[in-house]
Amino acid sequence: MAMGDEEVVVIRGVREDGNKFRPSDWIERISATLASFGRDQRLNYARAAQPCVVKGERCLVVERGLKESNPAAYEFIMGFARDNQLCVFEDRRSRQLEVSEDRRRSA
């Protein structure tokens, strides 16, 4: 199922008190736990949890389906957000935002 086809939770890199959460690479660290290396030896993030930039801010996007497919991972991520008082919101857009072709190649 594609990321845009189901509800996702977006976890911002900002705490509820407005301060930036440290360490600054926490999103990549958590995403990497569910990632795998492809044949090209590059890290491929799982569709269920991946870094994303929303309105210029780095966020972690988590598919709700992860709760069924890997409950332990989902609970860990949501517990991490809760324990560190990170801002969490649901994204229920019916379609993904367009990403320019040149941005896809450079990523």
PDB file of N, CA and C in Angstrom:
ATOM      1  N   MET A   1       0.856  -1.180   0.000  1.00  0.00           N
ATOM      2  CA  MET A   1       0.000   0.000   0.000  1.00  0.00           C
ATOM      3  C   MET A   1       0.890   1.228   0.000  1.00  0.00           C
ATOM      4  N   ALA A   2       0.612   2.187  -0.839  1.00  0.00           N
ATOM      5  CA  ALA A   2       1.426   3.390  -0.948  1.00  0.00           C
ATOM      6  C   ALA A   2       1.203   4.298   0.246  1.00  0.00           C
ATOM      7  N   MET A   3       2.212   5.111   0.538  1.00  0.00           N
ATOM      8  CA  MET A   3       2.157   6.002   1.697  1.00  0.00           C
ATOM      9  C   MET A   3       0.926   6.886   1.659  1.00  0.00           C
ATOM     10  N   GLY A   4       0.526   7.373   0.500  1.00  0.00           N
ATOM     11  CA  GLY A   4      -0.613   8.269   0.426  1.00  0.00           C
ATOM     12  C   GLY A   4      -1.958   7.582   0.543  1.00  0.00           C
ATOM     13  N   ASP A   5      -1.987   6.255   0.544  1.00  0.00           N
ATOM     14  CA  ASP A   5      -3.242   5.516   0.544  1.00  0.00           C
ATOM     15  C   ASP A   5      -3.809   5.246   1.933  1.00  0.00           C
ATOM     16  N   GLU A   6      -3.082   5.561   2.966  1.00  0.00           N
ATOM     17  CA  GLU A   6      -3.600   5.322   4.307  1.00  0.00           C
ATOM     18  C   GLU A   6      -3.171   6.455   5.220  1.00  0.00           C
ATOM     19  N   GLU A   7      -3.766   6.481   6.380  1.00  0.00           N
ATOM     20  CA  GLU A   7      -3.450   7.531   7.335  1.00  0.00           C
ATOM     21  C   GLU A   7      -2.014   7.397   7.821  1.00  0.00           C
ATOM     22  N   VAL A   8      -1.402   8.542   8.044  1.00  0.00           N
ATOM     23  CA  VAL A   8      -0.057   8.553   8.591  1.00  0.00           C
ATOM     24  C   VAL A   8      -0.004   9.497   9.780  1.00  0.00           C
ATOM     25  N   VAL A   9       0.955   9.241  10.638  1.00  0.00           N
ATOM     26  CA  VAL A   9       1.224  10.100  11.777  1.00  0.00           C
ATOM     27  C   VAL A   9       2.527  10.823  11.471  1.00  0.00           C
ATOM     28  N   VAL A  10       2.554  12.123  11.695  1.00  0.00           N
ATOM     29  CA  VAL A  10       3.754  12.915  11.468  1.00  0.00           C
ATOM     30  C   VAL A  10       4.276  13.364  12.828  1.00  0.00           C
ATOM     31  N   ILE A  11       5.532  13.044  13.094  1.00  0.00           N
ATOM     32  CA  ILE A  11       6.167  13.437  14.352  1.00  0.00           C
ATOM     33  C   ILE A  11       7.193  14.509  14.023  1.00  0.00           C
ATOM     34  N   ARG A  12       6.977  15.683  14.575  1.00  0.00           N
ATOM     35  CA  ARG A  12       7.863  16.815  14.315  1.00  0.00           C
ATOM     36  C   ARG A  12       9.120  16.725  15.172  1.00  0.00           C
ATOM     37  N   GLY A  13      10.171  17.382  14.725  1.00  0.00           N
ATOM     38  CA  GLY A  13      11.421  17.432  15.474  1.00  0.00           C
ATOM     39  C   GLY A  13      11.421  18.531  16.514  1.00  0.00           C
ATOM     40  N   VAL A  14      10.240  18.880  17.000  1.00  0.00           N
ATOM     41  CA  VAL A  14      10.073  19.958  17.973  1.00  0.00           C
ATOM     42  C   VAL A  14       9.282  19.418  19.156  1.00  0.00           C
ATOM     43  N   ARG A  15       9.712  19.809  20.349  1.00  0.00           N
ATOM     44  CA  ARG A  15       9.000  19.398  21.559  1.00  0.00           C
ATOM     45  C   ARG A  15       7.764  20.268  21.756  1.00  0.00           C
ATOM     46  N   GLU A  16       6.866  19.813  22.600  1.00  0.00           N
ATOM     47  CA  GLU A  16       5.624  20.552  22.860  1.00  0.00           C
ATOM     48  C   GLU A  16       5.882  21.941  23.430  1.00  0.00           C
ATOM     49  N   ASP A  17       7.049  22.136  24.073  1.00  0.00           N
ATOM     50  CA  ASP A  17       7.386  23.457  24.618  1.00  0.00           C
ATOM     51  C   ASP A  17       8.000  24.384  23.568  1.00  0.00           C
ATOM     52  N   GLY A  18       8.110  23.908  22.317  1.00  0.00           N
ATOM     53  CA  GLY A  18       8.616  24.722  21.221  1.00  0.00           C
ATOM     54  C   GLY A  18      10.105  24.594  20.966  1.00  0.00           C
ATOM     55  N   ASN A  19      10.825  23.903  21.831  1.00  0.00           N
ATOM     56  CA  ASN A  19      12.265  23.716  21.644  1.00  0.00           C
ATOM     57  C   ASN A  19      12.544  22.580  20.677  1.00  0.00           C
ATOM     58  N   LYS A  20      13.641  22.710  19.919  1.00  0.00           N
ATOM     59  CA  LYS A  20      14.065  21.655  19.021  1.00  0.00           C
ATOM     60  C   LYS A  20      14.543  20.463  19.831  1.00  0.00           C
ATOM     61  N   PHE A  21      14.191  19.268  19.362  1.00  0.00           N
ATOM     62  CA  PHE A  21      14.621  18.058  20.055  1.00  0.00           C
ATOM     63  C   PHE A  21      16.038  17.703  19.625  1.00  0.00           C
ATOM     64  N   ARG A  22      16.851  17.304  20.573  1.00  0.00           N
ATOM     65  CA  ARG A  22      18.226  16.880  20.315  1.00  0.00           C
ATOM     66  C   ARG A  22      18.381  15.434  20.737  1.00  0.00           C
ATOM     67  N   PRO A  23      19.167  14.614  20.084  1.00  0.00           N
ATOM     68  CA  PRO A  23      20.068  14.961  18.998  1.00  0.00           C
ATOM     69  C   PRO A  23      19.306  15.228  17.706  1.00  0.00           C
ATOM     70  N   SER A  24      19.882  16.047  16.867  1.00  0.00           N
ATOM     71  CA  SER A  24      19.183  16.486  15.661  1.00  0.00           C
ATOM     72  C   SER A  24      18.980  15.367  14.644  1.00  0.00           C
ATOM     73  N   ASP A  25      19.725  14.272  14.747  1.00  0.00           N
ATOM     74  CA  ASP A  25      19.583  13.175  13.778  1.00  0.00           C
ATOM     75  C   ASP A  25      18.679  12.046  14.275  1.00  0.00           C
ATOM     76  N   TRP A  26      17.838  12.315  15.264  1.00  0.00           N
ATOM     77  CA  TRP A  26      16.979  11.266  15.830  1.00  0.00           C
ATOM     78  C   TRP A  26      16.049  10.668  14.783  1.00  0.00           C
ATOM     79  N   ILE A  27      15.598  11.475  13.829  1.00  0.00           N
ATOM     80  CA  ILE A  27      14.676  10.978  12.795  1.00  0.00           C
ATOM     81  C   ILE A  27      15.363   9.911  11.946  1.00  0.00           C
ATOM     82  N   GLU A  28      16.586  10.190  11.519  1.00  0.00           N
ATOM     83  CA  GLU A  28      17.329   9.230  10.712  1.00  0.00           C
ATOM     84  C   GLU A  28      17.662   7.978  11.517  1.00  0.00           C
ATOM     85  N   ARG A  29      17.982   8.148  12.785  1.00  0.00           N
ATOM     86  CA  ARG A  29      18.305   6.991  13.629  1.00  0.00           C
ATOM     87  C   ARG A  29      17.112   6.047  13.748  1.00  0.00           C
ATOM     88  N   ILE A  30      15.939   6.601  14.017  1.00  0.00           N
ATOM     89  CA  ILE A  30      14.748   5.757  14.154  1.00  0.00           C
ATOM     90  C   ILE A  30      14.370   5.145  12.810  1.00  0.00           C
ATOM     91  N   SER A  31      14.413   5.933  11.743  1.00  0.00           N
ATOM     92  CA  SER A  31      14.083   5.412  10.409  1.00  0.00           C
ATOM     93  C   SER A  31      15.017   4.282  10.011  1.00  0.00           C
ATOM     94  N   ALA A  32      16.287   4.408  10.369  1.00  0.00           N
ATOM     95  CA  ALA A  32      17.280   3.404   9.984  1.00  0.00           C
ATOM     96  C   ALA A  32      17.022   2.053  10.643  1.00  0.00           C
ATOM     97  N   THR A  33      16.345   2.036  11.783  1.00  0.00           N
ATOM     98  CA  THR A  33      16.086   0.756  12.450  1.00  0.00           C
ATOM     99  C   THR A  33      15.148  -0.133  11.640  1.00  0.00           C
ATOM    100  N   LEU A  34      14.322   0.464  10.789  1.00  0.00           N
ATOM    101  CA  LEU A  34      13.397  -0.307   9.948  1.00  0.00           C
ATOM    102  C   LEU A  34      13.844  -0.348   8.491  1.00  0.00           C
ATOM    103  N   ALA A  35      14.978   0.275   8.188  1.00  0.00           N
ATOM    104  CA  ALA A  35      15.470   0.357   6.812  1.00  0.00           C
ATOM    105  C   ALA A  35      16.267  -0.892   6.449  1.00  0.00           C
ATOM    106  N   SER A  36      16.549  -1.020   5.160  1.00  0.00           N
ATOM    107  CA  SER A  36      17.385  -2.119   4.681  1.00  0.00           C
ATOM    108  C   SER A  36      18.296  -1.583   3.582  1.00  0.00           C
ATOM    109  N   PHE A  37      19.355  -2.324   3.294  1.00  0.00           N
ATOM    110  CA  PHE A  37      20.258  -1.923   2.228  1.00  0.00           C
ATOM    111  C   PHE A  37      19.840  -2.608   0.936  1.00  0.00           C
ATOM    112  N   GLY A  38      19.813  -1.834  -0.143  1.00  0.00           N
ATOM    113  CA  GLY A  38      19.457  -2.362  -1.447  1.00  0.00           C
ATOM    114  C   GLY A  38      20.662  -2.958  -2.147  1.00  0.00           C
ATOM    115  N   ARG A  39      20.437  -3.464  -3.333  1.00  0.00           N
ATOM    116  CA  ARG A  39      21.526  -4.053  -4.120  1.00  0.00           C
ATOM    117  C   ARG A  39      22.593  -3.025  -4.462  1.00  0.00           C
ATOM    118  N   ASP A  40      22.196  -1.767  -4.489  1.00  0.00           N
ATOM    119  CA  ASP A  40      23.142  -0.693  -4.788  1.00  0.00           C
ATOM    120  C   ASP A  40      23.922  -0.250  -3.550  1.00  0.00           C
ATOM    121  N   GLN A  41      23.744  -0.979  -2.444  1.00  0.00           N
ATOM    122  CA  GLN A  41      24.412  -0.695  -1.173  1.00  0.00           C
ATOM    123  C   GLN A  41      23.982   0.628  -0.549  1.00  0.00           C
ATOM    124  N   ARG A  42      22.818   1.120  -0.955  1.00  0.00           N
ATOM    125  CA  ARG A  42      22.269   2.345  -0.377  1.00  0.00           C
ATOM    126  C   ARG A  42      21.166   1.974   0.602  1.00  0.00           C
ATOM    127  N   LEU A  43      21.028   2.795   1.627  1.00  0.00           N
ATOM    128  CA  LEU A  43      20.000   2.572   2.633  1.00  0.00           C
ATOM    129  C   LEU A  43      18.636   2.930   2.057  1.00  0.00           C
ATOM    130  N   ASN A  44      17.696   2.008   2.150  1.00  0.00           N
ATOM    131  CA  ASN A  44      16.330   2.230   1.681  1.00  0.00           C
ATOM    132  C   ASN A  44      15.408   2.245   2.889  1.00  0.00           C
ATOM    133  N   TYR A  45      14.807   3.402   3.162  1.00  0.00           N
ATOM    134  CA  TYR A  45      13.897   3.513   4.298  1.00  0.00           C
ATOM    135  C   TYR A  45      12.626   2.723   4.030  1.00  0.00           C
ATOM    136  N   ALA A  46      12.099   2.119   5.064  1.00  0.00           N
ATOM    137  CA  ALA A  46      10.832   1.394   4.967  1.00  0.00           C
ATOM    138  C   ALA A  46       9.713   2.392   4.708  1.00  0.00           C
ATOM    139  N   ARG A  47       8.704   1.994   3.949  1.00  0.00           N
ATOM    140  CA  ARG A  47       7.568   2.886   3.687  1.00  0.00           C
ATOM    141  C   ARG A  47       6.838   3.220   4.989  1.00  0.00           C
ATOM    142  N   ALA A  48       6.921   2.335   5.960  1.00  0.00           N
ATOM    143  CA  ALA A  48       6.166   2.504   7.199  1.00  0.00           C
ATOM    144  C   ALA A  48       6.717   3.589   8.112  1.00  0.00           C
ATOM    145  N   ALA A  49       8.000   3.922   7.991  1.00  0.00           N
ATOM    146  CA  ALA A  49       8.603   4.963   8.835  1.00  0.00           C
ATOM    147  C   ALA A  49       9.770   5.573   8.079  1.00  0.00           C
ATOM    148  N   GLN A  50       9.617   6.830   7.704  1.00  0.00           N
ATOM    149  CA  GLN A  50      10.674   7.468   6.938  1.00  0.00           C
ATOM    150  C   GLN A  50      10.761   8.957   7.216  1.00  0.00           C
ATOM    151  N   PRO A  51      11.969   9.498   7.041  1.00  0.00           N
ATOM    152  CA  PRO A  51      12.142  10.934   7.233  1.00  0.00           C
ATOM    153  C   PRO A  51      11.431  11.701   6.133  1.00  0.00           C
ATOM    154  N   CYS A  52      11.012  12.898   6.460  1.00  0.00           N
ATOM    155  CA  CYS A  52      10.305  13.740   5.501  1.00  0.00           C
ATOM    156  C   CYS A  52      10.502  15.198   5.919  1.00  0.00           C
ATOM    157  N   VAL A  53      10.414  16.101   4.962  1.00  0.00           N
ATOM    158  CA  VAL A  53      10.451  17.529   5.262  1.00  0.00           C
ATOM    159  C   VAL A  53       9.058  18.077   4.999  1.00  0.00           C
ATOM    160  N   VAL A  54       8.454  18.664   6.022  1.00  0.00           N
ATOM    161  CA  VAL A  54       7.122  19.246   5.917  1.00  0.00           C
ATOM    162  C   VAL A  54       7.249  20.729   6.226  1.00  0.00           C
ATOM    163  N   LYS A  55       6.949  21.544   5.226  1.00  0.00           N
ATOM    164  CA  LYS A  55       7.039  22.999   5.379  1.00  0.00           C
ATOM    165  C   LYS A  55       8.395  23.421   5.931  1.00  0.00           C
ATOM    166  N   GLY A  56       9.454  22.827   5.397  1.00  0.00           N
ATOM    167  CA  GLY A  56      10.809  23.183   5.780  1.00  0.00           C
ATOM    168  C   GLY A  56      11.301  22.578   7.076  1.00  0.00           C
ATOM    169  N   GLU A  57      10.488  21.754   7.708  1.00  0.00           N
ATOM    170  CA  GLU A  57      10.859  21.159   8.994  1.00  0.00           C
ATOM    171  C   GLU A  57      11.009  19.647   8.859  1.00  0.00           C
ATOM    172  N   ARG A  58      12.090  19.110   9.405  1.00  0.00           N
ATOM    173  CA  ARG A  58      12.315  17.666   9.360  1.00  0.00           C
ATOM    174  C   ARG A  58      11.349  16.956  10.297  1.00  0.00           C
ATOM    175  N   CYS A  59      10.733  15.900   9.777  1.00  0.00           N
ATOM    176  CA  CYS A  59       9.730  15.140  10.529  1.00  0.00           C
ATOM    177  C   CYS A  59       9.923  13.648  10.267  1.00  0.00           C
ATOM    178  N   LEU A  60       9.297  12.843  11.098  1.00  0.00           N
ATOM    179  CA  LEU A  60       9.237  11.403  10.889  1.00  0.00           C
ATOM    180  C   LEU A  60       7.800  11.064  10.528  1.00  0.00           C
ATOM    181  N   VAL A  61       7.624  10.411   9.380  1.00  0.00           N
ATOM    182  CA  VAL A  61       6.290  10.025   8.924  1.00  0.00           C
ATOM    183  C   VAL A  61       6.124   8.529   9.179  1.00  0.00           C
ATOM    184  N   VAL A  62       5.075   8.180   9.918  1.00  0.00           N
ATOM    185  CA  VAL A  62       4.832   6.788  10.304  1.00  0.00           C
ATOM    186  C   VAL A  62       3.455   6.368   9.811  1.00  0.00           C
ATOM    187  N   GLU A  63       3.406   5.303   9.028  1.00  0.00           N
ATOM    188  CA  GLU A  63       2.121   4.774   8.567  1.00  0.00           C
ATOM    189  C   GLU A  63       1.399   4.099   9.722  1.00  0.00           C
ATOM    190  N   ARG A  64       0.090   4.306   9.797  1.00  0.00           N
ATOM    191  CA  ARG A  64      -0.714   3.636  10.832  1.00  0.00           C
ATOM    192  C   ARG A  64      -0.654   2.120  10.679  1.00  0.00           C
ATOM    193  N   GLY A  65      -0.456   1.643   9.467  1.00  0.00           N
ATOM    194  CA  GLY A  65      -0.384   0.207   9.219  1.00  0.00           C
ATOM    195  C   GLY A  65       0.758  -0.482   9.944  1.00  0.00           C
ATOM    196  N   LEU A  66       1.753   0.294  10.368  1.00  0.00           N
ATOM    197  CA  LEU A  66       2.867  -0.285  11.117  1.00  0.00           C
ATOM    198  C   LEU A  66       2.375  -0.884  12.430  1.00  0.00           C
ATOM    199  N   LYS A  67       1.285  -0.335  12.954  1.00  0.00           N
ATOM    200  CA  LYS A  67       0.725  -0.844  14.212  1.00  0.00           C
ATOM    201  C   LYS A  67       0.306  -2.305  14.072  1.00  0.00           C
ATOM    202  N   GLU A  68      -0.180  -2.696  12.893  1.00  0.00           N
ATOM    203  CA  GLU A  68      -0.580  -4.082  12.653  1.00  0.00           C
ATOM    204  C   GLU A  68       0.589  -4.936  12.177  1.00  0.00           C
ATOM    205  N   SER A  69       1.420  -4.392  11.290  1.00  0.00           N
ATOM    206  CA  SER A  69       2.498  -5.192  10.711  1.00  0.00           C
ATOM    207  C   SER A  69       3.683  -5.379  11.649  1.00  0.00           C
ATOM    208  N   ASN A  70       3.942  -4.392  12.511  1.00  0.00           N
ATOM    209  CA  ASN A  70       5.063  -4.484  13.446  1.00  0.00           C
ATOM    210  C   ASN A  70       4.701  -3.703  14.710  1.00  0.00           C
ATOM    211  N   PRO A  71       3.835  -4.282  15.555  1.00  0.00           N
ATOM    212  CA  PRO A  71       3.349  -3.567  16.739  1.00  0.00           C
ATOM    213  C   PRO A  71       4.458  -3.066  17.663  1.00  0.00           C
ATOM    214  N   ALA A  72       5.514  -3.844  17.820  1.00  0.00           N
ATOM    215  CA  ALA A  72       6.606  -3.434  18.713  1.00  0.00           C
ATOM    216  C   ALA A  72       7.285  -2.167  18.198  1.00  0.00           C
ATOM    217  N   ALA A  73       7.526  -2.101  16.894  1.00  0.00           N
ATOM    218  CA  ALA A  73       8.163  -0.916  16.309  1.00  0.00           C
ATOM    219  C   ALA A  73       7.252   0.299  16.440  1.00  0.00           C
ATOM    220  N   TYR A  74       5.958   0.105  16.173  1.00  0.00           N
ATOM    221  CA  TYR A  74       5.001   1.211  16.279  1.00  0.00           C
ATOM    222  C   TYR A  74       4.946   1.737  17.712  1.00  0.00           C
ATOM    223  N   GLU A  75       4.852   0.836  18.673  1.00  0.00           N
ATOM    224  CA  GLU A  75       4.793   1.252  20.078  1.00  0.00           C
ATOM    225  C   GLU A  75       6.083   1.933  20.508  1.00  0.00           C
ATOM    226  N   PHE A  76       7.230   1.446  20.019  1.00  0.00           N
ATOM    227  CA  PHE A  76       8.496   2.089  20.355  1.00  0.00           C
ATOM    228  C   PHE A  76       8.526   3.527  19.845  1.00  0.00           C
ATOM    229  N   ILE A  77       8.154   3.713  18.578  1.00  0.00           N
ATOM    230  CA  ILE A  77       8.189   5.051  17.979  1.00  0.00           C
ATOM    231  C   ILE A  77       7.219   5.987  18.682  1.00  0.00           C
ATOM    232  N   MET A  78       5.992   5.529  18.897  1.00  0.00           N
ATOM    233  CA  MET A  78       5.006   6.394  19.544  1.00  0.00           C
ATOM    234  C   MET A  78       5.369   6.657  21.005  1.00  0.00           C
ATOM    235  N   GLY A  79       5.936   5.665  21.684  1.00  0.00           N
ATOM    236  CA  GLY A  79       6.399   5.854  23.053  1.00  0.00           C
ATOM    237  C   GLY A  79       7.553   6.840  23.124  1.00  0.00           C
ATOM    238  N   PHE A  80       8.446   6.762  22.153  1.00  0.00           N
ATOM    239  CA  PHE A  80       9.568   7.701  22.075  1.00  0.00           C
ATOM    240  C   PHE A  80       9.050   9.128  21.933  1.00  0.00           C
ATOM    241  N   ALA A  81       8.081   9.308  21.042  1.00  0.00           N
ATOM    242  CA  ALA A  81       7.493  10.638  20.836  1.00  0.00           C
ATOM    243  C   ALA A  81       6.806  11.131  22.109  1.00  0.00           C
ATOM    244  N   ARG A  82       6.073  10.260  22.749  1.00  0.00           N
ATOM    245  CA  ARG A  82       5.356  10.625  23.976  1.00  0.00           C
ATOM    246  C   ARG A  82       6.332  10.957  25.107  1.00  0.00           C
ATOM    247  N   ASP A  83       7.320  10.098  25.322  1.00  0.00           N
ATOM    248  CA  ASP A  83       8.280  10.290  26.408  1.00  0.00           C
ATOM    249  C   ASP A  83       9.106  11.561  26.243  1.00  0.00           C
ATOM    250  N   ASN A  84       9.362  11.935  24.991  1.00  0.00           N
ATOM    251  CA  ASN A  84      10.172  13.121  24.723  1.00  0.00           C
ATOM    252  C   ASN A  84       9.328  14.349  24.405  1.00  0.00           C
ATOM    253  N   GLN A  85       8.027  14.221  24.603  1.00  0.00           N
ATOM    254  CA  GLN A  85       7.073  15.320  24.417  1.00  0.00           C
ATOM    255  C   GLN A  85       7.206  15.972  23.037  1.00  0.00           C
ATOM    256  N   LEU A  86       7.295  15.113  22.006  1.00  0.00           N
ATOM    257  CA  LEU A  86       7.387  15.611  20.640  1.00  0.00           C
ATOM    258  C   LEU A  86       5.994  15.918  20.102  1.00  0.00           C
ATOM    259  N   CYS A  87       5.911  16.882  19.214  1.00  0.00           N
ATOM    260  CA  CYS A  87       4.635  17.255  18.592  1.00  0.00           C
ATOM    261  C   CYS A  87       4.257  16.194  17.565  1.00  0.00           C
ATOM    262  N   VAL A  88       3.058  15.645  17.692  1.00  0.00           N
ATOM    263  CA  VAL A  88       2.568  14.586  16.814  1.00  0.00           C
ATOM    264  C   VAL A  88       1.230  15.018  16.241  1.00  0.00           C
ATOM    265  N   PHE A  89       1.059  14.827  14.927  1.00  0.00           N
ATOM    266  CA  PHE A  89      -0.242  15.099  14.327  1.00  0.00           C
ATOM    267  C   PHE A  89      -0.527  14.090  13.238  1.00  0.00           C
ATOM    268  N   GLU A  90      -1.803  13.920  12.928  1.00  0.00           N
ATOM    269  CA  GLU A  90      -2.220  12.991  11.885  1.00  0.00           C
ATOM    270  C   GLU A  90      -2.327  13.725  10.564  1.00  0.00           C
ATOM    271  N   ASP A  91      -1.926  13.047   9.506  1.00  0.00           N
ATOM    272  CA  ASP A  91      -2.018  13.602   8.160  1.00  0.00           C
ATOM    273  C   ASP A  91      -3.013  12.745   7.397  1.00  0.00           C
ATOM    274  N   ARG A  92      -4.155  13.308   7.101  1.00  0.00           N
ATOM    275  CA  ARG A  92      -5.210  12.543   6.413  1.00  0.00           C
ATOM    276  C   ARG A  92      -5.470  13.056   5.008  1.00  0.00           C
ATOM    277  N   ARG A  93      -4.437  13.647   4.400  1.00  0.00           N
ATOM    278  CA  ARG A  93      -4.622  14.110   3.021  1.00  0.00           C
ATOM    279  C   ARG A  93      -4.953  12.924   2.130  1.00  0.00           C
ATOM    280  N   SER A  94      -5.765  13.171   1.137  1.00  0.00           N
ATOM    281  CA  SER A  94      -6.133  12.091   0.229  1.00  0.00           C
ATOM    282  C   SER A  94      -5.067  11.864  -0.835  1.00  0.00           C
ATOM    283  N   ARG A  95      -4.124  12.792  -0.968  1.00  0.00           N
ATOM    284  CA  ARG A  95      -3.044  12.609  -1.934  1.00  0.00           C
ATOM    285  C   ARG A  95      -1.773  13.221  -1.369  1.00  0.00           C
ATOM    286  N   GLN A  96      -0.640  12.731  -1.867  1.00  0.00           N
ATOM    287  CA  GLN A  96       0.633  13.272  -1.440  1.00  0.00           C
ATOM    288  C   GLN A  96       0.912  14.565  -2.188  1.00  0.00           C
ATOM    289  N   LEU A  97       1.747  15.405  -1.606  1.00  0.00           N
ATOM    290  CA  LEU A  97       2.188  16.605  -2.290  1.00  0.00           C
ATOM    291  C   LEU A  97       3.123  16.208  -3.418  1.00  0.00           C
ATOM    292  N   GLU A  98       3.111  16.974  -4.480  1.00  0.00           N
ATOM    293  CA  GLU A  98       3.985  16.695  -5.607  1.00  0.00           C
ATOM    294  C   GLU A  98       5.433  16.986  -5.226  1.00  0.00           C
ATOM    295  N   VAL A  99       6.330  16.119  -5.662  1.00  0.00           N
ATOM    296  CA  VAL A  99       7.759  16.320  -5.463  1.00  0.00           C
ATOM    297  C   VAL A  99       8.374  16.448  -6.837  1.00  0.00           C
ATOM    298  N   SER A 100       9.151  17.508  -7.052  1.00  0.00           N
ATOM    299  CA  SER A 100       9.724  17.717  -8.377  1.00  0.00           C
ATOM    300  C   SER A 100      10.685  16.582  -8.713  1.00  0.00           C
ATOM    301  N   GLU A 101      10.780  16.267  -9.989  1.00  0.00           N
ATOM    302  CA  GLU A 101      11.596  15.150 -10.455  1.00  0.00           C
ATOM    303  C   GLU A 101      13.060  15.327 -10.062  1.00  0.00           C
ATOM    304  N   ASP A 102      13.586  16.550 -10.152  1.00  0.00           N
ATOM    305  CA  ASP A 102      14.991  16.765  -9.810  1.00  0.00           C
ATOM    306  C   ASP A 102      15.252  16.522  -8.329  1.00  0.00           C
ATOM    307  N   ARG A 103      14.300  16.765  -7.457  1.00  0.00           N
ATOM    308  CA  ARG A 103      14.458  16.510  -6.025  1.00  0.00           C
ATOM    309  C   ARG A 103      14.515  15.008  -5.770  1.00  0.00           C
ATOM    310  N   ARG A 104      13.785  14.225  -6.544  1.00  0.00           N
ATOM    311  CA  ARG A 104      13.791  12.772  -6.361  1.00  0.00           C
ATOM    312  C   ARG A 104      15.158  12.197  -6.711  1.00  0.00           C
ATOM    313  N   ARG A 105      15.751  12.699  -7.766  1.00  0.00           N
ATOM    314  CA  ARG A 105      17.041  12.174  -8.195  1.00  0.00           C
ATOM    315  C   ARG A 105      18.156  12.526  -7.226  1.00  0.00           C
ATOM    316  N   SER A 106      18.087  13.706  -6.621  1.00  0.00           N
ATOM    317  CA  SER A 106      19.173  14.144  -5.745  1.00  0.00           C
ATOM    318  C   SER A 106      19.085  13.550  -4.355  1.00  0.00           C
ATOM    319  N   ALA A 107      17.947  12.963  -4.017  1.00  0.00           N
ATOM    320  CA  ALA A 107      17.764  12.430  -2.652  1.00  0.00           C
ATOM    321  C   ALA A 107      18.493  11.143  -2.437  1.00  0.00           C
TER     322      ALA A 107
END
